[in-house]
Amino acid sequence: MLERLKDISRHALARITGQSEANDDDRRRSERVETLIFGTVMSGGEMVPVRVLDLSSGGARIELPEAQAIRDLVWLHWPRLERLGRVMWAEGRSIGVKFAQPLGPQELQSILAA
């Protein structure tokens, strides 16, 4: 029901403002792939164990062990990848990170194959 209310609100807002009804998925620049990769995020000198829930060439959705404040810039570490990223959103235990340098197709494939 909550999703239906969000859809109605998005549609009403688009009609009022004359803007597109594009949702978050439509605005993504690259397709995300669900994963269960474990790694760490370094934020403010602290290493936090994380789980990467989905991954694309441009970023990732990451689950933290508990809801906590993560600084804007983070350093991501997991098998076959180290990447600087910017936290774009945070909700509960999840954060969305945009990579400072996108992953190349072969690099992304290598990570997903591991």
Protein backbone atom coordinates (compact mmCIF):
# COMPACT_ATOMS: atom_id res chain seq x y z
CA MET A 1 0.00 0.00 0.00
CA LEU A 2 2.87 2.36 0.79
CA GLU A 3 4.30 1.82 -2.70
CA ARG A 4 0.91 2.66 -4.21
CA LEU A 5 0.77 5.90 -2.20
CA LYS A 6 4.27 6.80 -3.40
CA ASP A 7 3.21 6.19 -7.02
CA ILE A 8 0.10 8.37 -6.59
CA SER A 9 2.15 11.14 -4.97
CA ARG A 10 4.81 11.00 -7.69
CA HIS A 11 2.13 11.15 -10.39
CA ALA A 12 0.34 14.09 -8.72
CA LEU A 13 3.59 16.00 -8.26
CA ALA A 14 4.54 15.44 -11.89
CA ARG A 15 1.14 16.75 -13.05
CA ILE A 16 1.37 19.83 -10.83
CA THR A 17 4.95 20.72 -11.78
CA GLY A 18 4.83 19.52 -15.38
CA GLN A 19 7.93 17.39 -14.79
CA SER A 20 8.67 13.81 -15.77
CA GLU A 21 7.56 10.97 -13.51
CA ALA A 22 10.95 9.28 -13.75
CA ASN A 23 11.64 7.25 -10.63
CA ASP A 24 15.01 6.47 -9.06
CA ASP A 25 15.54 3.42 -11.28
CA ASP A 26 14.93 5.50 -14.43
CA ARG A 27 17.55 8.07 -13.39
CA ARG A 28 20.31 5.51 -12.93
CA ARG A 29 23.03 5.72 -15.52
CA SER A 30 23.98 2.06 -15.31
CA GLU A 31 22.19 -1.18 -14.52
CA ARG A 32 22.59 -2.57 -11.02
CA VAL A 33 23.23 -6.24 -10.30
CA GLU A 34 22.28 -7.85 -6.98
CA THR A 35 25.27 -9.21 -5.06
CA LEU A 36 26.25 -10.55 -1.67
CA ILE A 37 29.83 -9.30 -1.55
CA PHE A 38 31.41 -8.72 1.87
CA GLY A 39 34.00 -6.02 2.44
CA THR A 40 34.77 -2.89 4.42
CA VAL A 41 34.19 0.83 4.16
CA MET A 42 36.66 3.29 5.63
CA SER A 43 35.01 6.48 6.84
CA GLY A 44 36.66 9.04 9.08
CA GLY A 45 39.55 6.68 9.84
CA GLU A 46 37.21 3.89 10.98
CA MET A 47 36.87 0.56 9.15
CA VAL A 48 33.28 -0.71 9.05
CA PRO A 49 32.39 -4.24 7.83
CA VAL A 50 29.74 -4.06 5.11
CA ARG A 51 27.78 -6.13 2.62
CA VAL A 52 27.37 -4.90 -0.96
CA LEU A 53 23.73 -5.55 -1.88
CA ASP A 54 23.91 -4.37 -5.46
CA LEU A 55 26.59 -3.05 -7.76
CA SER A 56 26.87 -1.16 -11.02
CA SER A 57 29.72 0.47 -12.89
CA GLY A 58 28.83 3.77 -11.25
CA GLY A 59 28.11 2.80 -7.65
CA ALA A 60 26.73 0.42 -5.06
CA ARG A 61 24.05 -0.05 -2.43
CA ILE A 62 25.77 -1.07 0.78
CA GLU A 63 24.39 -2.51 4.02
CA LEU A 64 26.04 -1.48 7.29
CA PRO A 65 25.98 -3.65 10.45
CA GLU A 66 23.91 -0.94 12.17
CA ALA A 67 22.51 2.48 11.33
CA GLN A 68 25.31 4.99 11.80
CA ALA A 69 26.60 8.25 10.46
CA ILE A 70 28.97 7.70 7.55
CA ARG A 71 30.93 10.65 6.18
CA ASP A 72 30.36 11.91 2.65
CA LEU A 73 33.55 10.40 1.24
CA VAL A 74 34.34 6.73 1.83
CA TRP A 75 37.01 4.30 0.73
CA LEU A 76 35.54 0.92 -0.28
CA HIS A 77 37.49 -2.33 0.07
CA TRP A 78 36.31 -5.76 -1.04
CA PRO A 79 37.85 -8.61 -3.02
CA ARG A 80 39.20 -7.35 -6.32
CA LEU A 81 38.19 -3.74 -5.71
CA GLU A 82 39.26 -0.62 -3.89
CA ARG A 83 37.40 2.52 -4.79
CA LEU A 84 36.81 6.02 -3.49
CA GLY A 85 33.14 6.95 -3.38
CA ARG A 86 30.68 9.58 -2.25
CA VAL A 87 27.67 8.73 -0.09
CA MET A 88 24.66 9.93 -2.09
CA TRP A 89 21.95 8.77 0.32
CA ALA A 90 21.52 6.97 3.62
CA GLU A 91 18.44 5.19 4.96
CA GLY A 92 18.57 3.04 8.08
CA ARG A 93 21.42 0.56 7.65
CA SER A 94 21.80 1.16 3.91
CA ILE A 95 23.85 3.72 2.00
CA GLY A 96 24.11 4.47 -1.69
CA VAL A 97 27.63 5.20 -2.92
CA LYS A 98 28.64 6.77 -6.23
CA PHE A 99 32.15 5.79 -7.31
CA ALA A 100 34.60 8.63 -7.98
CA GLN A 101 35.83 6.59 -10.95
CA PRO A 102 33.34 4.22 -12.63
CA LEU A 103 34.19 0.55 -12.99
CA GLY A 104 35.12 -0.63 -16.46
CA PRO A 105 33.09 -3.50 -17.98
CA GLN A 106 35.88 -6.07 -17.45
CA GLU A 107 36.50 -4.88 -13.90
CA LEU A 108 32.78 -5.17 -13.07
CA GLN A 109 32.60 -8.63 -14.65
CA SER A 110 35.66 -9.78 -12.66
CA ILE A 111 34.09 -8.63 -9.37
CA LEU A 112 30.76 -10.32 -10.11
CA ALA A 113 32.46 -13.56 -11.15
CA ALA A 114 34.36 -13.86 -7.85
